[in-house]
Amino acid sequence: QAIDGGIEETSDIKFLFANIYLNARRYSQAYEMFNKIEAKIPKEDKPLFYYYYAQSAFGVHRYDEYLTLLQKAIKLDKATYASVLVDAYTKVADRYNQAGRLDEYINYLGKA
């Protein structure tokens, strides 16, 4: 409605919408929006962007991409995001365990 009223649809606004979808567990919509705006995100917001983009990738079962995006966030802001990697590998391992893919479960658990 704000956009219809004349507020410019900037990358900040799109980032906000993507986060709203993510928080509402509408992972598919969030993932699509994050994918579309990646190139437009300012450098100073990239670490946070990649962290949230990763969460949406996890929500749509793109586990390798989830880990890759988290690693991008860590590379840009190690102090803030390095601690999430062990938990991320454990989360992915748990998903594979639930799916009965024990080889992948063991693989990702070993990386944790």
PDB file of N, CA and C in Angstrom:
ATOM      1  N   GLN A   1       0.829  -1.189   0.000  1.00  0.00           N
ATOM      2  CA  GLN A   1       0.000   0.000   0.000  1.00  0.00           C
ATOM      3  C   GLN A   1       0.876   1.256   0.000  1.00  0.00           C
ATOM      4  N   ALA A   2       1.978   1.203   0.764  1.00  0.00           N
ATOM      5  CA  ALA A   2       2.877   2.359   0.786  1.00  0.00           C
ATOM      6  C   ALA A   2       3.500   2.585  -0.581  1.00  0.00           C
ATOM      7  N   ILE A   3       3.846   1.500  -1.247  1.00  0.00           N
ATOM      8  CA  ILE A   3       4.423   1.613  -2.587  1.00  0.00           C
ATOM      9  C   ILE A   3       3.396   2.189  -3.545  1.00  0.00           C
ATOM     10  N   ASP A   4       2.144   1.734  -3.434  1.00  0.00           N
ATOM     11  CA  ASP A   4       1.073   2.274  -4.270  1.00  0.00           C
ATOM     12  C   ASP A   4       0.868   3.763  -4.004  1.00  0.00           C
ATOM     13  N   GLY A   5       1.152   4.182  -2.784  1.00  0.00           N
ATOM     14  CA  GLY A   5       0.984   5.574  -2.412  1.00  0.00           C
ATOM     15  C   GLY A   5       2.124   6.471  -2.850  1.00  0.00           C
ATOM     16  N   GLY A   6       3.140   5.900  -3.463  1.00  0.00           N
ATOM     17  CA  GLY A   6       4.216   6.719  -4.003  1.00  0.00           C
ATOM     18  C   GLY A   6       5.573   6.527  -3.364  1.00  0.00           C
ATOM     19  N   ILE A   7       5.665   5.730  -2.316  1.00  0.00           N
ATOM     20  CA  ILE A   7       6.975   5.471  -1.731  1.00  0.00           C
ATOM     21  C   ILE A   7       7.768   4.617  -2.707  1.00  0.00           C
ATOM     22  N   GLU A   8       8.988   5.044  -2.967  1.00  0.00           N
ATOM     23  CA  GLU A   8       9.828   4.353  -3.938  1.00  0.00           C
ATOM     24  C   GLU A   8      10.159   2.937  -3.467  1.00  0.00           C
ATOM     25  N   GLU A   9      10.092   2.000  -4.386  1.00  0.00           N
ATOM     26  CA  GLU A   9      10.380   0.603  -4.070  1.00  0.00           C
ATOM     27  C   GLU A   9      11.887   0.369  -4.201  1.00  0.00           C
ATOM     28  N   THR A  10      12.623   0.675  -3.136  1.00  0.00           N
ATOM     29  CA  THR A  10      14.078   0.545  -3.126  1.00  0.00           C
ATOM     30  C   THR A  10      14.481  -0.854  -2.685  1.00  0.00           C
ATOM     31  N   SER A  11      15.779  -1.123  -2.764  1.00  0.00           N
ATOM     32  CA  SER A  11      16.267  -2.421  -2.295  1.00  0.00           C
ATOM     33  C   SER A  11      16.007  -2.580  -0.801  1.00  0.00           C
ATOM     34  N   ASP A  12      16.024  -1.468  -0.043  1.00  0.00           N
ATOM     35  CA  ASP A  12      15.719  -1.540   1.389  1.00  0.00           C
ATOM     36  C   ASP A  12      14.286  -2.006   1.626  1.00  0.00           C
ATOM     37  N   ILE A  13      13.366  -1.479   0.845  1.00  0.00           N
ATOM     38  CA  ILE A  13      11.962  -1.872   0.973  1.00  0.00           C
ATOM     39  C   ILE A  13      11.793  -3.342   0.592  1.00  0.00           C
ATOM     40  N   LYS A  14      12.436  -3.752  -0.487  1.00  0.00           N
ATOM     41  CA  LYS A  14      12.344  -5.152  -0.913  1.00  0.00           C
ATOM     42  C   LYS A  14      12.973  -6.080   0.118  1.00  0.00           C
ATOM     43  N   PHE A  15      14.083  -5.648   0.724  1.00  0.00           N
ATOM     44  CA  PHE A  15      14.734  -6.427   1.776  1.00  0.00           C
ATOM     45  C   PHE A  15      13.779  -6.581   2.960  1.00  0.00           C
ATOM     46  N   LEU A  16      13.090  -5.518   3.301  1.00  0.00           N
ATOM     47  CA  LEU A  16      12.110  -5.559   4.379  1.00  0.00           C
ATOM     48  C   LEU A  16      10.977  -6.534   4.059  1.00  0.00           C
ATOM     49  N   PHE A  17      10.457  -6.475   2.841  1.00  0.00           N
ATOM     50  CA  PHE A  17       9.397  -7.405   2.437  1.00  0.00           C
ATOM     51  C   PHE A  17       9.879  -8.855   2.506  1.00  0.00           C
ATOM     52  N   ALA A  18      11.081  -9.105   2.031  1.00  0.00           N
ATOM     53  CA  ALA A  18      11.630 -10.465   2.068  1.00  0.00           C
ATOM     54  C   ALA A  18      11.720 -10.957   3.508  1.00  0.00           C
ATOM     55  N   ASN A  19      12.134 -10.083   4.422  1.00  0.00           N
ATOM     56  CA  ASN A  19      12.219 -10.460   5.830  1.00  0.00           C
ATOM     57  C   ASN A  19      10.849 -10.691   6.449  1.00  0.00           C
ATOM     58  N   ILE A  20       9.869  -9.936   6.011  1.00  0.00           N
ATOM     59  CA  ILE A  20       8.503 -10.163   6.494  1.00  0.00           C
ATOM     60  C   ILE A  20       8.027 -11.546   6.071  1.00  0.00           C
ATOM     61  N   TYR A  21       8.266 -11.895   4.819  1.00  0.00           N
ATOM     62  CA  TYR A  21       7.911 -13.242   4.353  1.00  0.00           C
ATOM     63  C   TYR A  21       8.669 -14.306   5.139  1.00  0.00           C
ATOM     64  N   LEU A  22       9.948 -14.077   5.375  1.00  0.00           N
ATOM     65  CA  LEU A  22      10.755 -15.039   6.124  1.00  0.00           C
ATOM     66  C   LEU A  22      10.198 -15.235   7.529  1.00  0.00           C
ATOM     67  N   ASN A  23       9.883 -14.148   8.208  1.00  0.00           N
ATOM     68  CA  ASN A  23       9.349 -14.235   9.567  1.00  0.00           C
ATOM     69  C   ASN A  23       7.971 -14.879   9.614  1.00  0.00           C
ATOM     70  N   ALA A  24       7.236 -14.782   8.515  1.00  0.00           N
ATOM     71  CA  ALA A  24       5.918 -15.415   8.433  1.00  0.00           C
ATOM     72  C   ALA A  24       6.024 -16.871   7.965  1.00  0.00           C
ATOM     73  N   ARG A  25       7.246 -17.347   7.821  1.00  0.00           N
ATOM     74  CA  ARG A  25       7.527 -18.716   7.360  1.00  0.00           C
ATOM     75  C   ARG A  25       7.020 -18.971   5.943  1.00  0.00           C
ATOM     76  N   ARG A  26       6.985 -17.927   5.175  1.00  0.00           N
ATOM     77  CA  ARG A  26       6.640 -18.042   3.749  1.00  0.00           C
ATOM     78  C   ARG A  26       7.967 -18.074   2.987  1.00  0.00           C
ATOM     79  N   TYR A  27       8.658 -19.195   3.195  1.00  0.00           N
ATOM     80  CA  TYR A  27      10.042 -19.327   2.745  1.00  0.00           C
ATOM     81  C   TYR A  27      10.206 -19.199   1.238  1.00  0.00           C
ATOM     82  N   SER A  28       9.287 -19.723   0.497  1.00  0.00           N
ATOM     83  CA  SER A  28       9.402 -19.677  -0.955  1.00  0.00           C
ATOM     84  C   SER A  28       9.378 -18.237  -1.467  1.00  0.00           C
ATOM     85  N   GLN A  29       8.445 -17.442  -0.968  1.00  0.00           N
ATOM     86  CA  GLN A  29       8.369 -16.040  -1.377  1.00  0.00           C
ATOM     87  C   GLN A  29       9.612 -15.271  -0.919  1.00  0.00           C
ATOM     88  N   ALA A  30      10.043 -15.536   0.305  1.00  0.00           N
ATOM     89  CA  ALA A  30      11.236 -14.863   0.820  1.00  0.00           C
ATOM     90  C   ALA A  30      12.454 -15.216  -0.021  1.00  0.00           C
ATOM     91  N   TYR A  31      12.609 -16.495  -0.318  1.00  0.00           N
ATOM     92  CA  TYR A  31      13.755 -16.948  -1.109  1.00  0.00           C
ATOM     93  C   TYR A  31      13.774 -16.272  -2.479  1.00  0.00           C
ATOM     94  N   GLU A  32      12.634 -16.219  -3.127  1.00  0.00           N
ATOM     95  CA  GLU A  32      12.550 -15.574  -4.446  1.00  0.00           C
ATOM     96  C   GLU A  32      12.923 -14.094  -4.370  1.00  0.00           C
ATOM     97  N   MET A  33      12.436 -13.418  -3.337  1.00  0.00           N
ATOM     98  CA  MET A  33      12.736 -11.990  -3.204  1.00  0.00           C
ATOM     99  C   MET A  33      14.215 -11.759  -2.914  1.00  0.00           C
ATOM    100  N   PHE A  34      14.777 -12.545  -2.001  1.00  0.00           N
ATOM    101  CA  PHE A  34      16.205 -12.402  -1.705  1.00  0.00           C
ATOM    102  C   PHE A  34      17.033 -12.636  -2.963  1.00  0.00           C
ATOM    103  N   ASN A  35      16.651 -13.634  -3.736  1.00  0.00           N
ATOM    104  CA  ASN A  35      17.375 -13.960  -4.963  1.00  0.00           C
ATOM    105  C   ASN A  35      17.363 -12.783  -5.943  1.00  0.00           C
ATOM    106  N   LYS A  36      16.233 -12.113  -6.045  1.00  0.00           N
ATOM    107  CA  LYS A  36      16.088 -11.002  -6.993  1.00  0.00           C
ATOM    108  C   LYS A  36      16.856  -9.748  -6.580  1.00  0.00           C
ATOM    109  N   ILE A  37      17.027  -9.538  -5.285  1.00  0.00           N
ATOM    110  CA  ILE A  37      17.625  -8.275  -4.833  1.00  0.00           C
ATOM    111  C   ILE A  37      19.096  -8.389  -4.438  1.00  0.00           C
ATOM    112  N   GLU A  38      19.667  -9.551  -4.518  1.00  0.00           N
ATOM    113  CA  GLU A  38      21.049  -9.753  -4.050  1.00  0.00           C
ATOM    114  C   GLU A  38      22.024  -8.708  -4.602  1.00  0.00           C
ATOM    115  N   ALA A  39      21.989  -8.463  -5.885  1.00  0.00           N
ATOM    116  CA  ALA A  39      22.944  -7.539  -6.518  1.00  0.00           C
ATOM    117  C   ALA A  39      22.737  -6.085  -6.095  1.00  0.00           C
ATOM    118  N   LYS A  40      21.572  -5.769  -5.559  1.00  0.00           N
ATOM    119  CA  LYS A  40      21.247  -4.377  -5.222  1.00  0.00           C
ATOM    120  C   LYS A  40      21.483  -4.028  -3.752  1.00  0.00           C
ATOM    121  N   ILE A  41      21.872  -5.010  -2.958  1.00  0.00           N
ATOM    122  CA  ILE A  41      22.059  -4.773  -1.529  1.00  0.00           C
ATOM    123  C   ILE A  41      23.366  -4.013  -1.298  1.00  0.00           C
ATOM    124  N   PRO A  42      23.325  -2.934  -0.513  1.00  0.00           N
ATOM    125  CA  PRO A  42      24.551  -2.181  -0.223  1.00  0.00           C
ATOM    126  C   PRO A  42      25.583  -3.043   0.511  1.00  0.00           C
ATOM    127  N   LYS A  43      26.832  -2.756   0.274  1.00  0.00           N
ATOM    128  CA  LYS A  43      27.933  -3.538   0.840  1.00  0.00           C
ATOM    129  C   LYS A  43      27.817  -3.691   2.359  1.00  0.00           C
ATOM    130  N   GLU A  44      27.445  -2.631   3.045  1.00  0.00           N
ATOM    131  CA  GLU A  44      27.377  -2.680   4.506  1.00  0.00           C
ATOM    132  C   GLU A  44      26.250  -3.585   5.018  1.00  0.00           C
ATOM    133  N   ASP A  45      25.277  -3.876   4.181  1.00  0.00           N
ATOM    134  CA  ASP A  45      24.166  -4.744   4.580  1.00  0.00           C
ATOM    135  C   ASP A  45      24.327  -6.191   4.111  1.00  0.00           C
ATOM    136  N   LYS A  46      25.370  -6.474   3.338  1.00  0.00           N
ATOM    137  CA  LYS A  46      25.539  -7.814   2.749  1.00  0.00           C
ATOM    138  C   LYS A  46      25.622  -8.935   3.787  1.00  0.00           C
ATOM    139  N   PRO A  47      26.393  -8.789   4.884  1.00  0.00           N
ATOM    140  CA  PRO A  47      26.452  -9.909   5.835  1.00  0.00           C
ATOM    141  C   PRO A  47      25.073 -10.292   6.380  1.00  0.00           C
ATOM    142  N   LEU A  48      24.303  -9.298   6.803  1.00  0.00           N
ATOM    143  CA  LEU A  48      22.954  -9.558   7.317  1.00  0.00           C
ATOM    144  C   LEU A  48      22.061 -10.118   6.221  1.00  0.00           C
ATOM    145  N   PHE A  49      22.182  -9.560   5.026  1.00  0.00           N
ATOM    146  CA  PHE A  49      21.411 -10.051   3.892  1.00  0.00           C
ATOM    147  C   PHE A  49      21.673 -11.538   3.663  1.00  0.00           C
ATOM    148  N   TYR A  50      22.945 -11.925   3.610  1.00  0.00           N
ATOM    149  CA  TYR A  50      23.273 -13.331   3.355  1.00  0.00           C
ATOM    150  C   TYR A  50      22.793 -14.240   4.486  1.00  0.00           C
ATOM    151  N   TYR A  51      22.825 -13.743   5.708  1.00  0.00           N
ATOM    152  CA  TYR A  51      22.310 -14.538   6.828  1.00  0.00           C
ATOM    153  C   TYR A  51      20.815 -14.826   6.641  1.00  0.00           C
ATOM    154  N   TYR A  52      20.042 -13.803   6.332  1.00  0.00           N
ATOM    155  CA  TYR A  52      18.605 -13.998   6.135  1.00  0.00           C
ATOM    156  C   TYR A  52      18.300 -14.793   4.866  1.00  0.00           C
ATOM    157  N   TYR A  53      19.038 -14.526   3.824  1.00  0.00           N
ATOM    158  CA  TYR A  53      18.874 -15.282   2.575  1.00  0.00           C
ATOM    159  C   TYR A  53      19.128 -16.762   2.851  1.00  0.00           C
ATOM    160  N   ALA A  54      20.135 -17.066   3.655  1.00  0.00           N
ATOM    161  CA  ALA A  54      20.434 -18.451   4.030  1.00  0.00           C
ATOM    162  C   ALA A  54      19.254 -19.089   4.756  1.00  0.00           C
ATOM    163  N   GLN A  55      18.626 -18.352   5.656  1.00  0.00           N
ATOM    164  CA  GLN A  55      17.483 -18.902   6.390  1.00  0.00           C
ATOM    165  C   GLN A  55      16.348 -19.264   5.437  1.00  0.00           C
ATOM    166  N   SER A  56      16.150 -18.438   4.426  1.00  0.00           N
ATOM    167  CA  SER A  56      15.095 -18.755   3.453  1.00  0.00           C
ATOM    168  C   SER A  56      15.476 -19.975   2.621  1.00  0.00           C
ATOM    169  N   ALA A  57      16.757 -20.117   2.284  1.00  0.00           N
ATOM    170  CA  ALA A  57      17.216 -21.293   1.530  1.00  0.00           C
ATOM    171  C   ALA A  57      16.988 -22.563   2.347  1.00  0.00           C
ATOM    172  N   PHE A  58      17.249 -22.500   3.640  1.00  0.00           N
ATOM    173  CA  PHE A  58      16.997 -23.654   4.509  1.00  0.00           C
ATOM    174  C   PHE A  58      15.506 -23.994   4.502  1.00  0.00           C
ATOM    175  N   GLY A  59      14.674 -22.970   4.544  1.00  0.00           N
ATOM    176  CA  GLY A  59      13.225 -23.173   4.561  1.00  0.00           C
ATOM    177  C   GLY A  59      12.678 -23.834   3.312  1.00  0.00           C
ATOM    178  N   VAL A  60      13.383 -23.678   2.184  1.00  0.00           N
ATOM    179  CA  VAL A  60      12.942 -24.324   0.937  1.00  0.00           C
ATOM    180  C   VAL A  60      13.791 -25.560   0.626  1.00  0.00           C
ATOM    181  N   HIS A  61      14.457 -26.064   1.647  1.00  0.00           N
ATOM    182  CA  HIS A  61      15.210 -27.332   1.577  1.00  0.00           C
ATOM    183  C   HIS A  61      16.400 -27.285   0.624  1.00  0.00           C
ATOM    184  N   ARG A  62      16.997 -26.124   0.478  1.00  0.00           N
ATOM    185  CA  ARG A  62      18.210 -25.981  -0.342  1.00  0.00           C
ATOM    186  C   ARG A  62      19.390 -25.910   0.621  1.00  0.00           C
ATOM    187  N   TYR A  63      19.738 -27.050   1.191  1.00  0.00           N
ATOM    188  CA  TYR A  63      20.679 -27.093   2.300  1.00  0.00           C
ATOM    189  C   TYR A  63      22.105 -26.704   1.914  1.00  0.00           C
ATOM    190  N   ASP A  64      22.571 -27.131   0.759  1.00  0.00           N
ATOM    191  CA  ASP A  64      23.918 -26.736   0.339  1.00  0.00           C
ATOM    192  C   ASP A  64      23.994 -25.228   0.123  1.00  0.00           C
ATOM    193  N   GLU A  65      22.955 -24.676  -0.461  1.00  0.00           N
ATOM    194  CA  GLU A  65      22.918 -23.227  -0.670  1.00  0.00           C
ATOM    195  C   GLU A  65      22.830 -22.497   0.670  1.00  0.00           C
ATOM    196  N   TYR A  66      22.078 -23.046   1.602  1.00  0.00           N
ATOM    197  CA  TYR A  66      21.989 -22.495   2.960  1.00  0.00           C
ATOM    198  C   TYR A  66      23.383 -22.342   3.555  1.00  0.00           C
ATOM    199  N   LEU A  67      24.169 -23.402   3.468  1.00  0.00           N
ATOM    200  CA  LEU A  67      25.514 -23.366   4.032  1.00  0.00           C
ATOM    201  C   LEU A  67      26.424 -22.405   3.266  1.00  0.00           C
ATOM    202  N   THR A  68      26.289 -22.371   1.960  1.00  0.00           N
ATOM    203  CA  THR A  68      27.094 -21.458   1.141  1.00  0.00           C
ATOM    204  C   THR A  68      26.787 -20.004   1.477  1.00  0.00           C
ATOM    205  N   LEU A  69      25.515 -19.692   1.624  1.00  0.00           N
ATOM    206  CA  LEU A  69      25.121 -18.319   1.956  1.00  0.00           C
ATOM    207  C   LEU A  69      25.590 -17.922   3.355  1.00  0.00           C
ATOM    208  N   LEU A  70      25.522 -18.855   4.292  1.00  0.00           N
ATOM    209  CA  LEU A  70      26.043 -18.562   5.631  1.00  0.00           C
ATOM    210  C   LEU A  70      27.545 -18.305   5.576  1.00  0.00           C
ATOM    211  N   GLN A  71      28.245 -19.070   4.758  1.00  0.00           N
ATOM    212  CA  GLN A  71      29.688 -18.865   4.628  1.00  0.00           C
ATOM    213  C   GLN A  71      30.001 -17.495   4.025  1.00  0.00           C
ATOM    214  N   LYS A  72      29.146 -17.010   3.135  1.00  0.00           N
ATOM    215  CA  LYS A  72      29.326 -15.655   2.598  1.00  0.00           C
ATOM    216  C   LYS A  72      29.153 -14.620   3.713  1.00  0.00           C
ATOM    217  N   ALA A  73      28.149 -14.816   4.557  1.00  0.00           N
ATOM    218  CA  ALA A  73      27.937 -13.897   5.683  1.00  0.00           C
ATOM    219  C   ALA A  73      29.141 -13.921   6.618  1.00  0.00           C
ATOM    220  N   ILE A  74      29.654 -15.109   6.885  1.00  0.00           N
ATOM    221  CA  ILE A  74      30.811 -15.256   7.773  1.00  0.00           C
ATOM    222  C   ILE A  74      32.040 -14.576   7.172  1.00  0.00           C
ATOM    223  N   LYS A  75      32.245 -14.757   5.884  1.00  0.00           N
ATOM    224  CA  LYS A  75      33.401 -14.144   5.217  1.00  0.00           C
ATOM    225  C   LYS A  75      33.365 -12.619   5.339  1.00  0.00           C
ATOM    226  N   LEU A  76      32.180 -12.057   5.280  1.00  0.00           N
ATOM    227  CA  LEU A  76      32.033 -10.602   5.346  1.00  0.00           C
ATOM    228  C   LEU A  76      32.021 -10.051   6.774  1.00  0.00           C
ATOM    229  N   ASP A  77      31.611 -10.878   7.747  1.00  0.00           N
ATOM    230  CA  ASP A  77      31.538 -10.432   9.144  1.00  0.00           C
ATOM    231  C   ASP A  77      31.741 -11.632  10.065  1.00  0.00           C
ATOM    232  N   LYS A  78      32.994 -12.039  10.165  1.00  0.00           N
ATOM    233  CA  LYS A  78      33.330 -13.242  10.932  1.00  0.00           C
ATOM    234  C   LYS A  78      32.949 -13.111  12.406  1.00  0.00           C
ATOM    235  N   ALA A  79      33.180 -11.954  12.982  1.00  0.00           N
ATOM    236  CA  ALA A  79      32.900 -11.757  14.406  1.00  0.00           C
ATOM    237  C   ALA A  79      31.434 -12.012  14.748  1.00  0.00           C
ATOM    238  N   THR A  80      30.552 -11.648  13.858  1.00  0.00           N
ATOM    239  CA  THR A  80      29.117 -11.796  14.118  1.00  0.00           C
ATOM    240  C   THR A  80      28.590 -13.176  13.768  1.00  0.00           C
ATOM    241  N   TYR A  81      29.035 -13.741  12.649  1.00  0.00           N
ATOM    242  CA  TYR A  81      28.371 -14.927  12.110  1.00  0.00           C
ATOM    243  C   TYR A  81      29.142 -16.241  12.215  1.00  0.00           C
ATOM    244  N   ALA A  82      30.411 -16.221  12.607  1.00  0.00           N
ATOM    245  CA  ALA A  82      31.198 -17.461  12.653  1.00  0.00           C
ATOM    246  C   ALA A  82      30.581 -18.505  13.582  1.00  0.00           C
ATOM    247  N   SER A  83      29.956 -18.060  14.637  1.00  0.00           N
ATOM    248  CA  SER A  83      29.405 -18.993  15.625  1.00  0.00           C
ATOM    249  C   SER A  83      28.190 -19.777  15.123  1.00  0.00           C
ATOM    250  N   VAL A  84      27.590 -19.373  14.024  1.00  0.00           N
ATOM    251  CA  VAL A  84      26.383 -20.059  13.549  1.00  0.00           C
ATOM    252  C   VAL A  84      26.682 -21.287  12.691  1.00  0.00           C
ATOM    253  N   LEU A  85      27.929 -21.450  12.257  1.00  0.00           N
ATOM    254  CA  LEU A  85      28.237 -22.508  11.302  1.00  0.00           C
ATOM    255  C   LEU A  85      28.069 -23.911  11.882  1.00  0.00           C
ATOM    256  N   VAL A  86      28.528 -24.138  13.105  1.00  0.00           N
ATOM    257  CA  VAL A  86      28.384 -25.463  13.718  1.00  0.00           C
ATOM    258  C   VAL A  86      26.907 -25.820  13.849  1.00  0.00           C
ATOM    259  N   ASP A  87      26.113 -24.879  14.314  1.00  0.00           N
ATOM    260  CA  ASP A  87      24.671 -25.108  14.437  1.00  0.00           C
ATOM    261  C   ASP A  87      24.044 -25.376  13.072  1.00  0.00           C
ATOM    262  N   ALA A  88      24.521 -24.682  12.049  1.00  0.00           N
ATOM    263  CA  ALA A  88      23.982 -24.866  10.694  1.00  0.00           C
ATOM    264  C   ALA A  88      24.239 -26.285  10.191  1.00  0.00           C
ATOM    265  N   TYR A  89      25.452 -26.773  10.365  1.00  0.00           N
ATOM    266  CA  TYR A  89      25.756 -28.146   9.943  1.00  0.00           C
ATOM    267  C   TYR A  89      24.903 -29.154  10.713  1.00  0.00           C
ATOM    268  N   THR A  90      24.688 -28.893  12.000  1.00  0.00           N
ATOM    269  CA  THR A  90      23.856 -29.781  12.813  1.00  0.00           C
ATOM    270  C   THR A  90      22.408 -29.763  12.334  1.00  0.00           C
ATOM    271  N   LYS A  91      21.893 -28.578  11.997  1.00  0.00           N
ATOM    272  CA  LYS A  91      20.521 -28.475  11.484  1.00  0.00           C
ATOM    273  C   LYS A  91      20.354 -29.245  10.179  1.00  0.00           C
ATOM    274  N   VAL A  92      21.326 -29.108   9.286  1.00  0.00           N
ATOM    275  CA  VAL A  92      21.266 -29.821   8.009  1.00  0.00           C
ATOM    276  C   VAL A  92      21.352 -31.324   8.256  1.00  0.00           C
ATOM    277  N   ALA A  93      22.255 -31.735   9.137  1.00  0.00           N
ATOM    278  CA  ALA A  93      22.380 -33.160   9.471  1.00  0.00           C
ATOM    279  C   ALA A  93      21.059 -33.702  10.003  1.00  0.00           C
ATOM    280  N   ASP A  94      20.415 -32.955  10.886  1.00  0.00           N
ATOM    281  CA  ASP A  94      19.125 -33.389  11.439  1.00  0.00           C
ATOM    282  C   ASP A  94      18.062 -33.548  10.355  1.00  0.00           C
ATOM    283  N   ARG A  95      18.035 -32.647   9.394  1.00  0.00           N
ATOM    284  CA  ARG A  95      17.058 -32.760   8.302  1.00  0.00           C
ATOM    285  C   ARG A  95      17.287 -34.031   7.487  1.00  0.00           C
ATOM    286  N   TYR A  96      18.550 -34.327   7.205  1.00  0.00           N
ATOM    287  CA  TYR A  96      18.849 -35.552   6.460  1.00  0.00           C
ATOM    288  C   TYR A  96      18.529 -36.790   7.292  1.00  0.00           C
ATOM    289  N   ASN A  97      18.743 -36.726   8.588  1.00  0.00           N
ATOM    290  CA  ASN A  97      18.394 -37.843   9.466  1.00  0.00           C
ATOM    291  C   ASN A  97      16.887 -38.081   9.441  1.00  0.00           C
ATOM    292  N   GLN A  98      16.106 -37.014   9.507  1.00  0.00           N
ATOM    293  CA  GLN A  98      14.648 -37.128   9.460  1.00  0.00           C
ATOM    294  C   GLN A  98      14.171 -37.708   8.136  1.00  0.00           C
ATOM    295  N   ALA A  99      14.925 -37.429   7.074  1.00  0.00           N
ATOM    296  CA  ALA A  99      14.563 -37.939   5.745  1.00  0.00           C
ATOM    297  C   ALA A  99      15.072 -39.362   5.521  1.00  0.00           C
ATOM    298  N   GLY A 100      15.774 -39.908   6.506  1.00  0.00           N
ATOM    299  CA  GLY A 100      16.284 -41.270   6.382  1.00  0.00           C
ATOM    300  C   GLY A 100      17.535 -41.384   5.525  1.00  0.00           C
ATOM    301  N   ARG A 101      18.180 -40.279   5.271  1.00  0.00           N
ATOM    302  CA  ARG A 101      19.408 -40.272   4.455  1.00  0.00           C
ATOM    303  C   ARG A 101      20.609 -40.277   5.395  1.00  0.00           C
ATOM    304  N   LEU A 102      20.889 -41.446   5.930  1.00  0.00           N
ATOM    305  CA  LEU A 102      21.901 -41.568   6.973  1.00  0.00           C
ATOM    306  C   LEU A 102      23.302 -41.222   6.492  1.00  0.00           C
ATOM    307  N   ASP A 103      23.612 -41.495   5.224  1.00  0.00           N
ATOM    308  CA  ASP A 103      24.933 -41.145   4.703  1.00  0.00           C
ATOM    309  C   ASP A 103      25.151 -39.632   4.759  1.00  0.00           C
ATOM    310  N   GLU A 104      24.139 -38.862   4.362  1.00  0.00           N
ATOM    311  CA  GLU A 104      24.235 -37.401   4.414  1.00  0.00           C
ATOM    312  C   GLU A 104      24.226 -36.910   5.861  1.00  0.00           C
ATOM    313  N   TYR A 105      23.445 -37.560   6.697  1.00  0.00           N
ATOM    314  CA  TYR A 105      23.400 -37.217   8.119  1.00  0.00           C
ATOM    315  C   TYR A 105      24.795 -37.315   8.729  1.00  0.00           C
ATOM    316  N   ILE A 106      25.454 -38.427   8.495  1.00  0.00           N
ATOM    317  CA  ILE A 106      26.797 -38.647   9.039  1.00  0.00           C
ATOM    318  C   ILE A 106      27.791 -37.644   8.444  1.00  0.00           C
ATOM    319  N   ASN A 107      27.674 -37.396   7.150  1.00  0.00           N
ATOM    320  CA  ASN A 107      28.557 -36.451   6.477  1.00  0.00           C
ATOM    321  C   ASN A 107      28.473 -35.060   7.110  1.00  0.00           C
ATOM    322  N   TYR A 108      27.266 -34.541   7.261  1.00  0.00           N
ATOM    323  CA  TYR A 108      27.112 -33.184   7.792  1.00  0.00           C
ATOM    324  C   TYR A 108      27.367 -33.116   9.290  1.00  0.00           C
ATOM    325  N   LEU A 109      27.067 -34.171   9.996  1.00  0.00           N
ATOM    326  CA  LEU A 109      27.363 -34.197  11.422  1.00  0.00           C
ATOM    327  C   LEU A 109      28.872 -34.158  11.638  1.00  0.00           C
ATOM    328  N   GLY A 110      29.604 -34.838  10.756  1.00  0.00           N
ATOM    329  CA  GLY A 110      31.062 -34.808  10.825  1.00  0.00           C
ATOM    330  C   GLY A 110      31.640 -33.430  10.571  1.00  0.00           C
ATOM    331  N   LYS A 111      30.974 -32.648   9.748  1.00  0.00           N
ATOM    332  CA  LYS A 111      31.435 -31.288   9.452  1.00  0.00           C
ATOM    333  C   LYS A 111      31.171 -30.334  10.613  1.00  0.00           C
ATOM    334  N   ALA A 112      30.170 -30.683  11.427  1.00  0.00           N
ATOM    335  CA  ALA A 112      29.828 -29.831  12.570  1.00  0.00           C
ATOM    336  C   ALA A 112      30.939 -29.887  13.591  1.00  0.00           C
TER     337      ALA A 112
END
